[in-house]
Amino acid sequence: MNPGEIIRSAFSEIRHHKLRSGLTLLGIILGTLSITVMTSFLDGVVATLWDGFADLGFDGVMYVSGRGPRDLKEQTIFARSMGLRPSDAESILAGADMIRDVAPVMMSQEIVARGETERKARLIGATSSYAMVRNRKMANGRFLTPQDNESFARVCVLGHRLNRWLFGSEDAVGKRVKVAGREFRVVGVASKLGNQFVNSSDFAEEMEGLYIPLSTLRKFYIGEDEALAFIAIKTDQIDKLSQVKAELTAAVVKAHHGAQDFKVENIAAEMLRERKEVAEVIGSWKIVLGSLAGISLLVGGIGLLSVMMISIGERLYEIGLRKALGATDMQIFFQFLAESATLALVGGMLGAAGGVGITKAVAGFFPSGLPIHIGGLLAAIGISLALGIVYGIYPALKASRLEPVEALRSAA
């Protein structure tokens, strides 16, 4: 028999034993479907999780914040410094080669109003670099610019929730809001922060607040003599965080005339540890879910083995007749092996198609979507085919080793 005849024979057996073939295929289909859905689901969860981590805005970030003196000696030394100032940002950039950007920040709480609607909101006084340092993206409009700070502009960027409360579905860009009685023009709306896997109270406060130029906040609300809340810095040198921290500390000490009236929080290092721990948990889940899906496919393979053994018992006369007419052991072997592999391949492809359908159906529930994991798809089909071949070897050997006379006598 040539390969074409072997494959036609395999499909003929599937068609003539629909119920038996269907039950056999079901095990393979469920196993393949499980692998396809599982790999795509994990990809979607991982993508959503890492998006949430990115929204935290702490990758490669360190904070410099003020601290008070611990004793009289420090009190004397701290008198040389005026605390954290916007000018420190320029000193840090000039004195630290490993730092990419710096964002000085001040905060306040004020009443924000539009018409009769009022909200007490967090005001974040920032510069144009804040969006880059903290990875803040815009849903509409633009973020603050250097010109906004230089001109003490009365412009603002609304947080995602504050925009919804004040404007609903309207486009807020270009419209006006009042901040503690002063009118501001909305130039942008920030994107939503966090998701169902990564969330924090800081996300809520930032989304319920608004950003205004740092110079504007200092001039009209807090006062230009007040120290900054903190300075956020961003570095790309993730593998040299201790050196970056040392460089940052030295630059600020120099700017403060030798007074170390500040502390440096190495948030980037904490983020690396958190990401590593989460990656280990994800790896464990991949092993667990992969094992469950593999067991399901393995059970389907055992069902295939049983069906092939039953098929041999029903086709003893055919086997004996083929051998009597000159079919070799190898031809009989490949005929039954091809039937087993074909059943497994058909089941694998149907399961993969079902997995793709389910994945697309539930993709809308994930903010980052559910990508079709091509590797998982091909692996599922490949494993099902491999199982079809492995579980088909024994039945095929048994069929090929039957003596023609015994096969015909047994069939009679």
Foldseek 3Di string as FASTA:
>chain_A
DDPVVLLVVLVVVCVVPVVLLVVLLVLLLQLLLLLQQVVLVLVLVVVQQVQQLLLQLQAQKKKKAFADDPDPVLVVLLVLFLAAAPVLQVLLVVQFVQFDHKKFWAKDWWWKFDVPDIDTAIEIAIEQCPCVSSVWAFPDFHQHYNVQQVVLAQAKEAAQVLCCRHPNPDDQAQPWMATNNRIGGYGTYIDQHHDPNHDDVVSVRRNNHMYGHNNNCQPPPPHNSDHTRIMMIGGPPLVPLVVSVVSSQVSSCVVSVNNSRIDMGSSNVVSVVVVVVVVVVSVVVCVVSNVVSVVSNVVSLVSLLVSLLVVCLQCLLVLLVCVVVPDALVNLLVSQLSSLLVSLLVSSVSSLVVSVVVQQVCQVVRPVGRDRDPVSSVVSSVVSSVSSNVSRNVSSNVSSPDHSVVSNVSND
